[in-house]
Amino acid sequence: AQQINYRSADEFSGLPQINLGYGITGTTDAGAGQRYLSWYEGNWYLTVHAAAVNQEDPTPLAKQTVAFLASNSLPAPQKYGRISFQTAIANRQRDQEISWQKNNVVYRLQTHTPQTALKMAVSIK
C-alpha cells in the first residue's frame, strides 16, 4: 500500500461528492491551489489532480477515465492498485501513473498521457 501510495476510503469521509457516471461517485478535495478528485473501482484507487490556480478541473478527465473503464478491464491487483493522473500534460514528462501489487511485486506504468497509460494497462494480461 505504501509503495503505490494507496489511500483508504475512510480518508475521504465527509468530503464533497460528485457523480462520475456508470454508478461511480468520486470525492473532491481542494486546498493550496490544488484540486483532487478520487474514487474507487474494485481494488483500484484512482485520483485526478488539477491545479486550481491554472483554472484546471479534474472532472472531465475523471469522467473520461470512468467511461473508458466501463468497457475495458484493468489487470486485477492482488490487493492494491492505484491510478494517478494529472490534467496538465507537460512536454517530455511522464506524469501519468498506474501501479498495482501482485504477490510481492509492484508493477508501475508511467506515460505522457492518461489515455496511453489506460490503453497500456488494459492490454496487460
C-alpha atoms as a PDB file:
ATOM      1  CA  ALA A   1       0.000   0.000   0.000  1.00  0.00           C
ATOM      2  CA  GLN A   2       2.806   2.421   0.826  1.00  0.00           C
ATOM      3  CA  GLN A   3       4.795   1.722  -2.333  1.00  0.00           C
ATOM      4  CA  ILE A   4       1.890   2.726  -4.566  1.00  0.00           C
ATOM      5  CA  ASN A   5       0.575   5.484  -2.264  1.00  0.00           C
ATOM      6  CA  TYR A   6      -2.778   3.775  -1.775  1.00  0.00           C
ATOM      7  CA  ARG A   7      -5.272   5.696   0.356  1.00  0.00           C
ATOM      8  CA  SER A   8      -8.164   4.198   2.256  1.00  0.00           C
ATOM      9  CA  ALA A   9     -11.732   5.294   1.503  1.00  0.00           C
ATOM     10  CA  ASP A  10     -12.033   6.332   5.159  1.00  0.00           C
ATOM     11  CA  GLU A  11      -9.685   9.244   4.435  1.00  0.00           C
ATOM     12  CA  PHE A  12     -12.330  10.761   2.140  1.00  0.00           C
ATOM     13  CA  SER A  13     -15.221  10.552   4.572  1.00  0.00           C
ATOM     14  CA  GLY A  14     -17.255  13.747   4.672  1.00  0.00           C
ATOM     15  CA  LEU A  15     -15.735  15.321   1.545  1.00  0.00           C
ATOM     16  CA  PRO A  16     -17.986  16.664  -1.236  1.00  0.00           C
ATOM     17  CA  GLN A  17     -19.128  14.017  -3.709  1.00  0.00           C
ATOM     18  CA  ILE A  18     -19.582  14.107  -7.474  1.00  0.00           C
ATOM     19  CA  ASN A  19     -21.322  11.701  -9.841  1.00  0.00           C
ATOM     20  CA  LEU A  20     -18.831  10.379 -12.410  1.00  0.00           C
ATOM     21  CA  GLY A  21     -21.354   8.224 -14.269  1.00  0.00           C
ATOM     22  CA  TYR A  22     -21.732   4.444 -14.513  1.00  0.00           C
ATOM     23  CA  GLY A  23     -22.735   4.272 -10.835  1.00  0.00           C
ATOM     24  CA  ILE A  24     -19.386   5.693  -9.683  1.00  0.00           C
ATOM     25  CA  THR A  25     -19.169   8.509  -7.149  1.00  0.00           C
ATOM     26  CA  GLY A  26     -15.969  10.438  -6.536  1.00  0.00           C
ATOM     27  CA  THR A  27     -14.922  12.770  -3.758  1.00  0.00           C
ATOM     28  CA  THR A  28     -13.340  16.165  -4.241  1.00  0.00           C
ATOM     29  CA  ASP A  29     -10.636  17.696  -2.112  1.00  0.00           C
ATOM     30  CA  ALA A  30      -9.067  21.104  -2.652  1.00  0.00           C
ATOM     31  CA  GLY A  31      -6.575  23.372  -0.992  1.00  0.00           C
ATOM     32  CA  ALA A  32      -3.413  25.381  -1.586  1.00  0.00           C
ATOM     33  CA  GLY A  33      -4.361  25.950  -5.223  1.00  0.00           C
ATOM     34  CA  GLN A  34      -4.812  22.231  -5.938  1.00  0.00           C
ATOM     35  CA  ARG A  35      -7.860  20.070  -6.727  1.00  0.00           C
ATOM     36  CA  TYR A  36      -8.106  16.307  -6.394  1.00  0.00           C
ATOM     37  CA  LEU A  37     -10.946  14.052  -7.480  1.00  0.00           C
ATOM     38  CA  SER A  38     -10.693  10.487  -6.148  1.00  0.00           C
ATOM     39  CA  TRP A  39     -12.770   7.319  -6.399  1.00  0.00           C
ATOM     40  CA  TYR A  40     -12.576   3.535  -6.120  1.00  0.00           C
ATOM     41  CA  GLU A  41     -13.279   0.771  -8.607  1.00  0.00           C
ATOM     42  CA  GLY A  42     -12.791  -2.665  -7.077  1.00  0.00           C
ATOM     43  CA  ASN A  43      -9.292  -2.766  -5.554  1.00  0.00           C
ATOM     44  CA  TRP A  44      -8.263   0.280  -7.553  1.00  0.00           C
ATOM     45  CA  TYR A  45      -7.888   3.743  -6.015  1.00  0.00           C
ATOM     46  CA  LEU A  46      -7.992   6.433  -8.716  1.00  0.00           C
ATOM     47  CA  THR A  47      -7.218  10.116  -8.451  1.00  0.00           C
ATOM     48  CA  VAL A  48      -7.025  13.035 -10.861  1.00  0.00           C
ATOM     49  CA  HIS A  49      -5.044  16.126  -9.901  1.00  0.00           C
ATOM     50  CA  ALA A  50      -5.664  19.609 -11.281  1.00  0.00           C
ATOM     51  CA  ALA A  51      -4.113  22.975 -10.491  1.00  0.00           C
ATOM     52  CA  ALA A  52      -6.907  25.323  -9.439  1.00  0.00           C
ATOM     53  CA  VAL A  53      -4.558  28.276  -9.829  1.00  0.00           C
ATOM     54  CA  ASN A  54      -4.435  27.413 -13.566  1.00  0.00           C
ATOM     55  CA  GLN A  55      -8.246  27.069 -13.744  1.00  0.00           C
ATOM     56  CA  GLU A  56      -7.926  23.291 -14.288  1.00  0.00           C
ATOM     57  CA  ASP A  57     -10.840  20.983 -13.468  1.00  0.00           C
ATOM     58  CA  PRO A  58     -10.270  17.264 -12.729  1.00  0.00           C
ATOM     59  CA  THR A  59     -13.881  16.280 -13.516  1.00  0.00           C
ATOM     60  CA  PRO A  60     -13.704  15.836 -17.325  1.00  0.00           C
ATOM     61  CA  LEU A  61     -10.637  13.558 -17.143  1.00  0.00           C
ATOM     62  CA  ALA A  62     -12.189  11.589 -14.272  1.00  0.00           C
ATOM     63  CA  LYS A  63     -15.397  11.052 -16.265  1.00  0.00           C
ATOM     64  CA  GLN A  64     -13.413  10.013 -19.367  1.00  0.00           C
ATOM     65  CA  THR A  65     -11.471   7.505 -17.259  1.00  0.00           C
ATOM     66  CA  VAL A  66     -14.641   6.051 -15.729  1.00  0.00           C
ATOM     67  CA  ALA A  67     -16.227   5.754 -19.191  1.00  0.00           C
ATOM     68  CA  PHE A  68     -13.130   4.013 -20.589  1.00  0.00           C
ATOM     69  CA  LEU A  69     -13.007   1.563 -17.678  1.00  0.00           C
ATOM     70  CA  ALA A  70     -16.716   0.784 -18.058  1.00  0.00           C
ATOM     71  CA  SER A  71     -15.835  -1.186 -21.197  1.00  0.00           C
ATOM     72  CA  ASN A  72     -12.180  -2.100 -20.556  1.00  0.00           C
ATOM     73  CA  SER A  73     -10.655  -4.154 -17.730  1.00  0.00           C
ATOM     74  CA  LEU A  74      -7.531  -3.279 -15.832  1.00  0.00           C
ATOM     75  CA  PRO A  75      -5.254  -6.058 -14.540  1.00  0.00           C
ATOM     76  CA  ALA A  76      -6.591  -7.292 -11.204  1.00  0.00           C
ATOM     77  CA  PRO A  77      -4.327  -6.240  -8.350  1.00  0.00           C
ATOM     78  CA  GLN A  78      -3.967  -8.814  -5.625  1.00  0.00           C
ATOM     79  CA  LYS A  79      -4.818  -6.217  -3.022  1.00  0.00           C
ATOM     80  CA  TYR A  80      -3.898  -2.677  -4.094  1.00  0.00           C
ATOM     81  CA  GLY A  81      -3.976  -0.734  -7.351  1.00  0.00           C
ATOM     82  CA  ARG A  82      -3.607   2.984  -7.967  1.00  0.00           C
ATOM     83  CA  ILE A  83      -4.090   5.321 -10.882  1.00  0.00           C
ATOM     84  CA  SER A  84      -2.750   8.849 -10.566  1.00  0.00           C
ATOM     85  CA  PHE A  85      -3.443  11.245 -13.434  1.00  0.00           C
ATOM     86  CA  GLN A  86      -2.594  14.919 -13.952  1.00  0.00           C
ATOM     87  CA  THR A  87      -4.878  17.169 -16.002  1.00  0.00           C
ATOM     88  CA  ALA A  88      -1.915  19.212 -17.238  1.00  0.00           C
ATOM     89  CA  ILE A  89       0.314  17.384 -19.679  1.00  0.00           C
ATOM     90  CA  ALA A  90       3.847  18.759 -19.729  1.00  0.00           C
ATOM     91  CA  ASN A  91       6.200  18.191 -22.639  1.00  0.00           C
ATOM     92  CA  ARG A  92       8.517  15.227 -22.182  1.00  0.00           C
ATOM     93  CA  GLN A  93       7.055  14.369 -18.782  1.00  0.00           C
ATOM     94  CA  ARG A  94       5.654  11.012 -17.783  1.00  0.00           C
ATOM     95  CA  ASP A  95       3.360  12.242 -15.017  1.00  0.00           C
ATOM     96  CA  GLN A  96       0.538   9.742 -15.612  1.00  0.00           C
ATOM     97  CA  GLU A  97       0.971   6.649 -13.452  1.00  0.00           C
ATOM     98  CA  ILE A  98      -0.715   3.292 -12.973  1.00  0.00           C
ATOM     99  CA  SER A  99       0.618   0.972 -10.256  1.00  0.00           C
ATOM    100  CA  TRP A 100      -0.619  -2.300  -8.829  1.00  0.00           C
ATOM    101  CA  GLN A 101       0.540  -5.015  -6.487  1.00  0.00           C
ATOM    102  CA  LYS A 102       0.558  -8.734  -7.171  1.00  0.00           C
ATOM    103  CA  ASN A 103       2.229 -11.039  -4.645  1.00  0.00           C
ATOM    104  CA  ASN A 104       5.425  -9.268  -3.614  1.00  0.00           C
ATOM    105  CA  VAL A 105       5.835  -7.326  -6.885  1.00  0.00           C
ATOM    106  CA  VAL A 106       4.694  -3.788  -7.644  1.00  0.00           C
ATOM    107  CA  TYR A 107       4.088  -3.069 -11.344  1.00  0.00           C
ATOM    108  CA  ARG A 108       4.256   0.536 -12.498  1.00  0.00           C
ATOM    109  CA  LEU A 109       3.468   2.265 -15.795  1.00  0.00           C
ATOM    110  CA  GLN A 110       4.416   5.895 -16.332  1.00  0.00           C
ATOM    111  CA  THR A 111       3.314   7.620 -19.511  1.00  0.00           C
ATOM    112  CA  HIS A 112       2.887  11.026 -21.096  1.00  0.00           C
ATOM    113  CA  THR A 113      -0.925  10.917 -21.402  1.00  0.00           C
ATOM    114  CA  PRO A 114      -3.678   9.268 -19.359  1.00  0.00           C
ATOM    115  CA  GLN A 115      -5.091   7.651 -22.497  1.00  0.00           C
ATOM    116  CA  THR A 116      -1.778   5.930 -23.260  1.00  0.00           C
ATOM    117  CA  ALA A 117      -1.497   4.708 -19.684  1.00  0.00           C
ATOM    118  CA  LEU A 118      -5.003   3.234 -19.751  1.00  0.00           C
ATOM    119  CA  LYS A 119      -4.519   1.560 -23.124  1.00  0.00           C
ATOM    120  CA  MET A 120      -1.234   0.017 -21.982  1.00  0.00           C
ATOM    121  CA  ALA A 121      -2.667  -1.183 -18.670  1.00  0.00           C
ATOM    122  CA  VAL A 122      -5.756  -2.837 -20.147  1.00  0.00           C
ATOM    123  CA  SER A 123      -3.575  -4.644 -22.708  1.00  0.00           C
ATOM    124  CA  ILE A 124      -1.720  -6.482 -19.912  1.00  0.00           C
ATOM    125  CA  LYS A 125      -2.968  -9.985 -19.270  1.00  0.00           C
END
